[in-house]
Amino acid sequence: MTLRALRVNYSLSLEEVADCLEIHPNILLKYEEDSSDIPIHLANDLAAYYGVSLDSIFLGKATDLKQKFKEYKRKDSCKD
């Protein structure tokens, strides 16, 4: 799951999460769009905040995840 999907799932604003983690909302937005270079301490803080394990958070570009999902669905539909 992406960082943005987690935040939206909990109906939280960028500002609410950023305030709690004591970071600027633009920093959070940056990592929601591409978390491939997120500092490990921030990734751990976000995982703890959302109550999920770090390995359940997709770390990378959100657009990459969408592309991988499309490819997976295409491959899965060919099995029928």
PDB file of N, CA and C in Angstrom:
ATOM      1  N   MET A   1       0.846  -1.163   0.000  1.00  0.00           N
ATOM      2  CA  MET A   1       0.000   0.000   0.000  1.00  0.00           C
ATOM      3  C   MET A   1       0.899   1.236   0.000  1.00  0.00           C
ATOM      4  N   THR A   2       0.511   2.252  -0.723  1.00  0.00           N
ATOM      5  CA  THR A   2       1.308   3.481  -0.763  1.00  0.00           C
ATOM      6  C   THR A   2       1.043   4.335   0.473  1.00  0.00           C
ATOM      7  N   LEU A   3       1.938   5.263   0.719  1.00  0.00           N
ATOM      8  CA  LEU A   3       1.756   6.176   1.848  1.00  0.00           C
ATOM      9  C   LEU A   3       0.485   7.002   1.684  1.00  0.00           C
ATOM     10  N   ARG A   4       0.214   7.441   0.482  1.00  0.00           N
ATOM     11  CA  ARG A   4      -1.000   8.229   0.242  1.00  0.00           C
ATOM     12  C   ARG A   4      -2.241   7.384   0.491  1.00  0.00           C
ATOM     13  N   ALA A   5      -2.231   6.149   0.029  1.00  0.00           N
ATOM     14  CA  ALA A   5      -3.386   5.273   0.232  1.00  0.00           C
ATOM     15  C   ALA A   5      -3.642   5.048   1.720  1.00  0.00           C
ATOM     16  N   LEU A   6      -2.596   4.900   2.495  1.00  0.00           N
ATOM     17  CA  LEU A   6      -2.766   4.745   3.940  1.00  0.00           C
ATOM     18  C   LEU A   6      -3.409   5.991   4.543  1.00  0.00           C
ATOM     19  N   ARG A   7      -2.883   7.164   4.167  1.00  0.00           N
ATOM     20  CA  ARG A   7      -3.423   8.409   4.719  1.00  0.00           C
ATOM     21  C   ARG A   7      -4.882   8.595   4.340  1.00  0.00           C
ATOM     22  N   VAL A   8      -5.198   8.364   3.079  1.00  0.00           N
ATOM     23  CA  VAL A   8      -6.573   8.526   2.599  1.00  0.00           C
ATOM     24  C   VAL A   8      -7.491   7.504   3.271  1.00  0.00           C
ATOM     25  N   ASN A   9      -6.999   6.286   3.450  1.00  0.00           N
ATOM     26  CA  ASN A   9      -7.787   5.240   4.099  1.00  0.00           C
ATOM     27  C   ASN A   9      -8.215   5.646   5.510  1.00  0.00           C
ATOM     28  N   TYR A  10      -7.360   6.393   6.189  1.00  0.00           N
ATOM     29  CA  TYR A  10      -7.676   6.869   7.534  1.00  0.00           C
ATOM     30  C   TYR A  10      -8.351   8.241   7.533  1.00  0.00           C
ATOM     31  N   SER A  11      -8.681   8.739   6.358  1.00  0.00           N
ATOM     32  CA  SER A  11      -9.346  10.045   6.209  1.00  0.00           C
ATOM     33  C   SER A  11      -8.566  11.167   6.891  1.00  0.00           C
ATOM     34  N   LEU A  12      -7.268  11.169   6.671  1.00  0.00           N
ATOM     35  CA  LEU A  12      -6.404  12.185   7.260  1.00  0.00           C
ATOM     36  C   LEU A  12      -5.893  13.132   6.183  1.00  0.00           C
ATOM     37  N   SER A  13      -5.677  14.370   6.570  1.00  0.00           N
ATOM     38  CA  SER A  13      -5.098  15.337   5.637  1.00  0.00           C
ATOM     39  C   SER A  13      -3.571  15.267   5.716  1.00  0.00           C
ATOM     40  N   LEU A  14      -2.942  15.810   4.696  1.00  0.00           N
ATOM     41  CA  LEU A  14      -1.477  15.918   4.716  1.00  0.00           C
ATOM     42  C   LEU A  14      -1.017  16.663   5.962  1.00  0.00           C
ATOM     43  N   GLU A  15      -1.717  17.730   6.277  1.00  0.00           N
ATOM     44  CA  GLU A  15      -1.338  18.573   7.405  1.00  0.00           C
ATOM     45  C   GLU A  15      -1.431  17.818   8.726  1.00  0.00           C
ATOM     46  N   GLU A  16      -2.477  17.011   8.897  1.00  0.00           N
ATOM     47  CA  GLU A  16      -2.638  16.261  10.145  1.00  0.00           C
ATOM     48  C   GLU A  16      -1.479  15.295  10.371  1.00  0.00           C
ATOM     49  N   VAL A  17      -1.136  14.554   9.339  1.00  0.00           N
ATOM     50  CA  VAL A  17      -0.052  13.577   9.465  1.00  0.00           C
ATOM     51  C   VAL A  17       1.284  14.293   9.632  1.00  0.00           C
ATOM     52  N   ALA A  18       1.514  15.311   8.825  1.00  0.00           N
ATOM     53  CA  ALA A  18       2.774  16.056   8.903  1.00  0.00           C
ATOM     54  C   ALA A  18       2.951  16.697  10.276  1.00  0.00           C
ATOM     55  N   ASP A  19       1.891  17.279  10.820  1.00  0.00           N
ATOM     56  CA  ASP A  19       1.971  17.889  12.149  1.00  0.00           C
ATOM     57  C   ASP A  19       2.357  16.863  13.202  1.00  0.00           C
ATOM     58  N   CYS A  20       1.737  15.709  13.141  1.00  0.00           N
ATOM     59  CA  CYS A  20       2.014  14.664  14.119  1.00  0.00           C
ATOM     60  C   CYS A  20       3.468  14.199  14.035  1.00  0.00           C
ATOM     61  N   LEU A  21       3.987  14.116  12.821  1.00  0.00           N
ATOM     62  CA  LEU A  21       5.361  13.647  12.625  1.00  0.00           C
ATOM     63  C   LEU A  21       6.385  14.782  12.656  1.00  0.00           C
ATOM     64  N   GLU A  22       5.885  16.008  12.844  1.00  0.00           N
ATOM     65  CA  GLU A  22       6.730  17.198  12.922  1.00  0.00           C
ATOM     66  C   GLU A  22       7.591  17.383  11.669  1.00  0.00           C
ATOM     67  N   ILE A  23       6.920  17.255  10.518  1.00  0.00           N
ATOM     68  CA  ILE A  23       7.559  17.531   9.232  1.00  0.00           C
ATOM     69  C   ILE A  23       6.654  18.472   8.448  1.00  0.00           C
ATOM     70  N   HIS A  24       7.187  19.099   7.431  1.00  0.00           N
ATOM     71  CA  HIS A  24       6.393  19.996   6.590  1.00  0.00           C
ATOM     72  C   HIS A  24       5.497  19.153   5.680  1.00  0.00           C
ATOM     73  N   PRO A  25       4.260  19.585   5.444  1.00  0.00           N
ATOM     74  CA  PRO A  25       3.367  18.829   4.551  1.00  0.00           C
ATOM     75  C   PRO A  25       3.959  18.568   3.166  1.00  0.00           C
ATOM     76  N   ASN A  26       4.765  19.503   2.654  1.00  0.00           N
ATOM     77  CA  ASN A  26       5.384  19.288   1.339  1.00  0.00           C
ATOM     78  C   ASN A  26       6.366  18.118   1.346  1.00  0.00           C
ATOM     79  N   ILE A  27       7.011  17.895   2.481  1.00  0.00           N
ATOM     80  CA  ILE A  27       7.918  16.746   2.607  1.00  0.00           C
ATOM     81  C   ILE A  27       7.113  15.457   2.531  1.00  0.00           C
ATOM     82  N   LEU A  28       6.002  15.418   3.245  1.00  0.00           N
ATOM     83  CA  LEU A  28       5.145  14.228   3.203  1.00  0.00           C
ATOM     84  C   LEU A  28       4.609  14.007   1.797  1.00  0.00           C
ATOM     85  N   LEU A  29       4.175  15.064   1.148  1.00  0.00           N
ATOM     86  CA  LEU A  29       3.677  14.956  -0.224  1.00  0.00           C
ATOM     87  C   LEU A  29       4.752  14.389  -1.150  1.00  0.00           C
ATOM     88  N   LYS A  30       5.973  14.862  -0.994  1.00  0.00           N
ATOM     89  CA  LYS A  30       7.089  14.362  -1.811  1.00  0.00           C
ATOM     90  C   LYS A  30       7.229  12.853  -1.650  1.00  0.00           C
ATOM     91  N   TYR A  31       7.191  12.379  -0.409  1.00  0.00           N
ATOM     92  CA  TYR A  31       7.371  10.945  -0.179  1.00  0.00           C
ATOM     93  C   TYR A  31       6.132  10.138  -0.541  1.00  0.00           C
ATOM     94  N   GLU A  32       4.974  10.760  -0.545  1.00  0.00           N
ATOM     95  CA  GLU A  32       3.782  10.060  -1.031  1.00  0.00           C
ATOM     96  C   GLU A  32       3.883   9.821  -2.537  1.00  0.00           C
ATOM     97  N   GLU A  33       4.513  10.728  -3.241  1.00  0.00           N
ATOM     98  CA  GLU A  33       4.667  10.585  -4.692  1.00  0.00           C
ATOM     99  C   GLU A  33       5.817   9.655  -5.058  1.00  0.00           C
ATOM    100  N   ASP A  34       6.885   9.673  -4.267  1.00  0.00           N
ATOM    101  CA  ASP A  34       8.042   8.814  -4.527  1.00  0.00           C
ATOM    102  C   ASP A  34       8.770   8.568  -3.208  1.00  0.00           C
ATOM    103  N   SER A  35       8.534   7.418  -2.637  1.00  0.00           N
ATOM    104  CA  SER A  35       9.127   7.100  -1.341  1.00  0.00           C
ATOM    105  C   SER A  35      10.407   6.284  -1.468  1.00  0.00           C
ATOM    106  N   SER A  36      10.976   6.216  -2.661  1.00  0.00           N
ATOM    107  CA  SER A  36      12.157   5.380  -2.864  1.00  0.00           C
ATOM    108  C   SER A  36      13.379   5.859  -2.081  1.00  0.00           C
ATOM    109  N   ASP A  37      13.436   7.145  -1.737  1.00  0.00           N
ATOM    110  CA  ASP A  37      14.585   7.643  -0.972  1.00  0.00           C
ATOM    111  C   ASP A  37      14.176   8.197   0.399  1.00  0.00           C
ATOM    112  N   ILE A  38      13.087   7.687   0.945  1.00  0.00           N
ATOM    113  CA  ILE A  38      12.619   8.142   2.254  1.00  0.00           C
ATOM    114  C   ILE A  38      13.608   7.695   3.333  1.00  0.00           C
ATOM    115  N   PRO A  39      13.951   8.571   4.264  1.00  0.00           N
ATOM    116  CA  PRO A  39      14.829   8.158   5.366  1.00  0.00           C
ATOM    117  C   PRO A  39      14.163   7.040   6.177  1.00  0.00           C
ATOM    118  N   ILE A  40      14.949   6.067   6.590  1.00  0.00           N
ATOM    119  CA  ILE A  40      14.392   4.901   7.274  1.00  0.00           C
ATOM    120  C   ILE A  40      13.668   5.292   8.560  1.00  0.00           C
ATOM    121  N   HIS A  41      14.167   6.295   9.267  1.00  0.00           N
ATOM    122  CA  HIS A  41      13.492   6.704  10.503  1.00  0.00           C
ATOM    123  C   HIS A  41      12.095   7.252  10.207  1.00  0.00           C
ATOM    124  N   LEU A  42      11.941   7.970   9.098  1.00  0.00           N
ATOM    125  CA  LEU A  42      10.627   8.501   8.740  1.00  0.00           C
ATOM    126  C   LEU A  42       9.705   7.382   8.267  1.00  0.00           C
ATOM    127  N   ALA A  43      10.246   6.438   7.523  1.00  0.00           N
ATOM    128  CA  ALA A  43       9.445   5.289   7.091  1.00  0.00           C
ATOM    129  C   ALA A  43       8.948   4.512   8.306  1.00  0.00           C
ATOM    130  N   ASN A  44       9.815   4.312   9.284  1.00  0.00           N
ATOM    131  CA  ASN A  44       9.411   3.623  10.513  1.00  0.00           C
ATOM    132  C   ASN A  44       8.365   4.417  11.280  1.00  0.00           C
ATOM    133  N   ASP A  45       8.550   5.732  11.356  1.00  0.00           N
ATOM    134  CA  ASP A  45       7.572   6.589  12.041  1.00  0.00           C
ATOM    135  C   ASP A  45       6.206   6.516  11.364  1.00  0.00           C
ATOM    136  N   LEU A  46       6.193   6.537  10.036  1.00  0.00           N
ATOM    137  CA  LEU A  46       4.928   6.466   9.299  1.00  0.00           C
ATOM    138  C   LEU A  46       4.259   5.108   9.486  1.00  0.00           C
ATOM    139  N   ALA A  47       5.041   4.042   9.452  1.00  0.00           N
ATOM    140  CA  ALA A  47       4.481   2.706   9.666  1.00  0.00           C
ATOM    141  C   ALA A  47       3.859   2.614  11.057  1.00  0.00           C
ATOM    142  N   ALA A  48       4.554   3.125  12.058  1.00  0.00           N
ATOM    143  CA  ALA A  48       4.024   3.102  13.422  1.00  0.00           C
ATOM    144  C   ALA A  48       2.772   3.967  13.534  1.00  0.00           C
ATOM    145  N   TYR A  49       2.794   5.128  12.909  1.00  0.00           N
ATOM    146  CA  TYR A  49       1.647   6.036  12.951  1.00  0.00           C
ATOM    147  C   TYR A  49       0.401   5.382  12.367  1.00  0.00           C
ATOM    148  N   TYR A  50       0.569   4.699  11.241  1.00  0.00           N
ATOM    149  CA  TYR A  50      -0.569   4.060  10.582  1.00  0.00           C
ATOM    150  C   TYR A  50      -0.875   2.674  11.145  1.00  0.00           C
ATOM    151  N   GLY A  51      -0.017   2.176  12.018  1.00  0.00           N
ATOM    152  CA  GLY A  51      -0.258   0.875  12.630  1.00  0.00           C
ATOM    153  C   GLY A  51      -0.072  -0.292  11.676  1.00  0.00           C
ATOM    154  N   VAL A  52       0.895  -0.171  10.781  1.00  0.00           N
ATOM    155  CA  VAL A  52       1.181  -1.239   9.822  1.00  0.00           C
ATOM    156  C   VAL A  52       2.668  -1.576   9.898  1.00  0.00           C
ATOM    157  N   SER A  53       3.023  -2.734   9.371  1.00  0.00           N
ATOM    158  CA  SER A  53       4.437  -3.091   9.323  1.00  0.00           C
ATOM    159  C   SER A  53       5.094  -2.357   8.158  1.00  0.00           C
ATOM    160  N   LEU A  54       6.365  -2.100   8.305  1.00  0.00           N
ATOM    161  CA  LEU A  54       7.098  -1.379   7.264  1.00  0.00           C
ATOM    162  C   LEU A  54       7.071  -2.140   5.946  1.00  0.00           C
ATOM    163  N   ASP A  55       7.091  -3.467   6.009  1.00  0.00           N
ATOM    164  CA  ASP A  55       7.113  -4.228   4.757  1.00  0.00           C
ATOM    165  C   ASP A  55       5.775  -4.232   4.029  1.00  0.00           C
ATOM    166  N   SER A  56       4.735  -3.702   4.655  1.00  0.00           N
ATOM    167  CA  SER A  56       3.447  -3.602   3.959  1.00  0.00           C
ATOM    168  C   SER A  56       3.291  -2.282   3.209  1.00  0.00           C
ATOM    169  N   ILE A  57       4.265  -1.389   3.372  1.00  0.00           N
ATOM    170  CA  ILE A  57       4.232  -0.095   2.685  1.00  0.00           C
ATOM    171  C   ILE A  57       5.059  -0.201   1.410  1.00  0.00           C
ATOM    172  N   PHE A  58       4.457   0.183   0.289  1.00  0.00           N
ATOM    173  CA  PHE A  58       5.190   0.198  -0.979  1.00  0.00           C
ATOM    174  C   PHE A  58       6.162   1.358  -0.955  1.00  0.00           C
ATOM    175  N   LEU A  59       7.439   1.062  -1.145  1.00  0.00           N
ATOM    176  CA  LEU A  59       8.466   2.097  -1.187  1.00  0.00           C
ATOM    177  C   LEU A  59       8.954   2.240  -2.617  1.00  0.00           C
ATOM    178  N   GLY A  60       8.632   3.342  -3.222  1.00  0.00           N
ATOM    179  CA  GLY A  60       8.986   3.618  -4.607  1.00  0.00           C
ATOM    180  C   GLY A  60       8.041   4.661  -5.155  1.00  0.00           C
ATOM    181  N   LYS A  61       8.048   4.809  -6.459  1.00  0.00           N
ATOM    182  CA  LYS A  61       7.155   5.767  -7.099  1.00  0.00           C
ATOM    183  C   LYS A  61       5.751   5.187  -7.163  1.00  0.00           C
ATOM    184  N   ALA A  62       4.774   5.999  -6.799  1.00  0.00           N
ATOM    185  CA  ALA A  62       3.379   5.551  -6.833  1.00  0.00           C
ATOM    186  C   ALA A  62       2.985   5.120  -8.240  1.00  0.00           C
ATOM    187  N   THR A  63       3.515   5.802  -9.247  1.00  0.00           N
ATOM    188  CA  THR A  63       3.184   5.437 -10.630  1.00  0.00           C
ATOM    189  C   THR A  63       3.742   4.064 -10.984  1.00  0.00           C
ATOM    190  N   ASP A  64       4.876   3.684 -10.384  1.00  0.00           N
ATOM    191  CA  ASP A  64       5.435   2.352 -10.624  1.00  0.00           C
ATOM    192  C   ASP A  64       4.513   1.273 -10.080  1.00  0.00           C
ATOM    193  N   LEU A  65       3.927   1.519  -8.925  1.00  0.00           N
ATOM    194  CA  LEU A  65       3.012   0.544  -8.337  1.00  0.00           C
ATOM    195  C   LEU A  65       1.792   0.360  -9.224  1.00  0.00           C
ATOM    196  N   LYS A  66       1.253   1.451  -9.738  1.00  0.00           N
ATOM    197  CA  LYS A  66       0.090   1.358 -10.625  1.00  0.00           C
ATOM    198  C   LYS A  66       0.425   0.547 -11.870  1.00  0.00           C
ATOM    199  N   GLN A  67       1.606   0.766 -12.429  1.00  0.00           N
ATOM    200  CA  GLN A  67       2.026   0.034 -13.623  1.00  0.00           C
ATOM    201  C   GLN A  67       2.195  -1.452 -13.315  1.00  0.00           C
ATOM    202  N   LYS A  68       2.803  -1.768 -12.189  1.00  0.00           N
ATOM    203  CA  LYS A  68       2.989  -3.169 -11.812  1.00  0.00           C
ATOM    204  C   LYS A  68       1.642  -3.854 -11.608  1.00  0.00           C
ATOM    205  N   PHE A  69       0.691  -3.151 -11.027  1.00  0.00           N
ATOM    206  CA  PHE A  69      -0.639  -3.714 -10.813  1.00  0.00           C
ATOM    207  C   PHE A  69      -1.323  -3.993 -12.149  1.00  0.00           C
ATOM    208  N   LYS A  70      -1.203  -3.064 -13.094  1.00  0.00           N
ATOM    209  CA  LYS A  70      -1.792  -3.268 -14.422  1.00  0.00           C
ATOM    210  C   LYS A  70      -1.182  -4.493 -15.092  1.00  0.00           C
ATOM    211  N   GLU A  71       0.138  -4.635 -15.003  1.00  0.00           N
ATOM    212  CA  GLU A  71       0.812  -5.780 -15.607  1.00  0.00           C
ATOM    213  C   GLU A  71       0.363  -7.082 -14.953  1.00  0.00           C
ATOM    214  N   TYR A  72       0.215  -7.070 -13.646  1.00  0.00           N
ATOM    215  CA  TYR A  72      -0.233  -8.252 -12.918  1.00  0.00           C
ATOM    216  C   TYR A  72      -1.640  -8.647 -13.351  1.00  0.00           C
ATOM    217  N   LYS A  73      -2.530  -7.671 -13.448  1.00  0.00           N
ATOM    218  CA  LYS A  73      -3.908  -7.960 -13.859  1.00  0.00           C
ATOM    219  C   LYS A  73      -3.943  -8.527 -15.270  1.00  0.00           C
ATOM    220  N   ARG A  74      -3.111  -7.991 -16.147  1.00  0.00           N
ATOM    221  CA  ARG A  74      -3.056  -8.489 -17.524  1.00  0.00           C
ATOM    222  C   ARG A  74      -2.599  -9.941 -17.546  1.00  0.00           C
ATOM    223  N   LYS A  75      -1.552 -10.253 -16.811  1.00  0.00           N
ATOM    224  CA  LYS A  75      -1.032 -11.621 -16.759  1.00  0.00           C
ATOM    225  C   LYS A  75      -2.054 -12.562 -16.144  1.00  0.00           C
ATOM    226  N   ASP A  76      -2.718 -12.104 -15.089  1.00  0.00           N
ATOM    227  CA  ASP A  76      -3.702 -12.931 -14.398  1.00  0.00           C
ATOM    228  C   ASP A  76      -4.894 -13.230 -15.299  1.00  0.00           C
ATOM    229  N   SER A  77      -5.310 -12.275 -16.115  1.00  0.00           N
ATOM    230  CA  SER A  77      -6.465 -12.485 -16.990  1.00  0.00           C
ATOM    231  C   SER A  77      -6.132 -13.434 -18.136  1.00  0.00           C
ATOM    232  N   CYS A  78      -4.873 -13.621 -18.438  1.00  0.00           N
ATOM    233  CA  CYS A  78      -4.462 -14.525 -19.520  1.00  0.00           C
ATOM    234  C   CYS A  78      -4.483 -15.984 -19.084  1.00  0.00           C
ATOM    235  N   LYS A  79      -4.610 -16.244 -17.792  1.00  0.00           N
ATOM    236  CA  LYS A  79      -4.577 -17.611 -17.283  1.00  0.00           C
ATOM    237  C   LYS A  79      -5.875 -18.359 -17.505  1.00  0.00           C
ATOM    238  N   ASP A  80      -6.935 -17.674 -17.828  1.00  0.00           N
ATOM    239  CA  ASP A  80      -8.243 -18.324 -17.997  1.00  0.00           C
ATOM    240  C   ASP A  80      -8.323 -19.134 -19.257  1.00  0.00           C
TER     241      ASP A  80
END
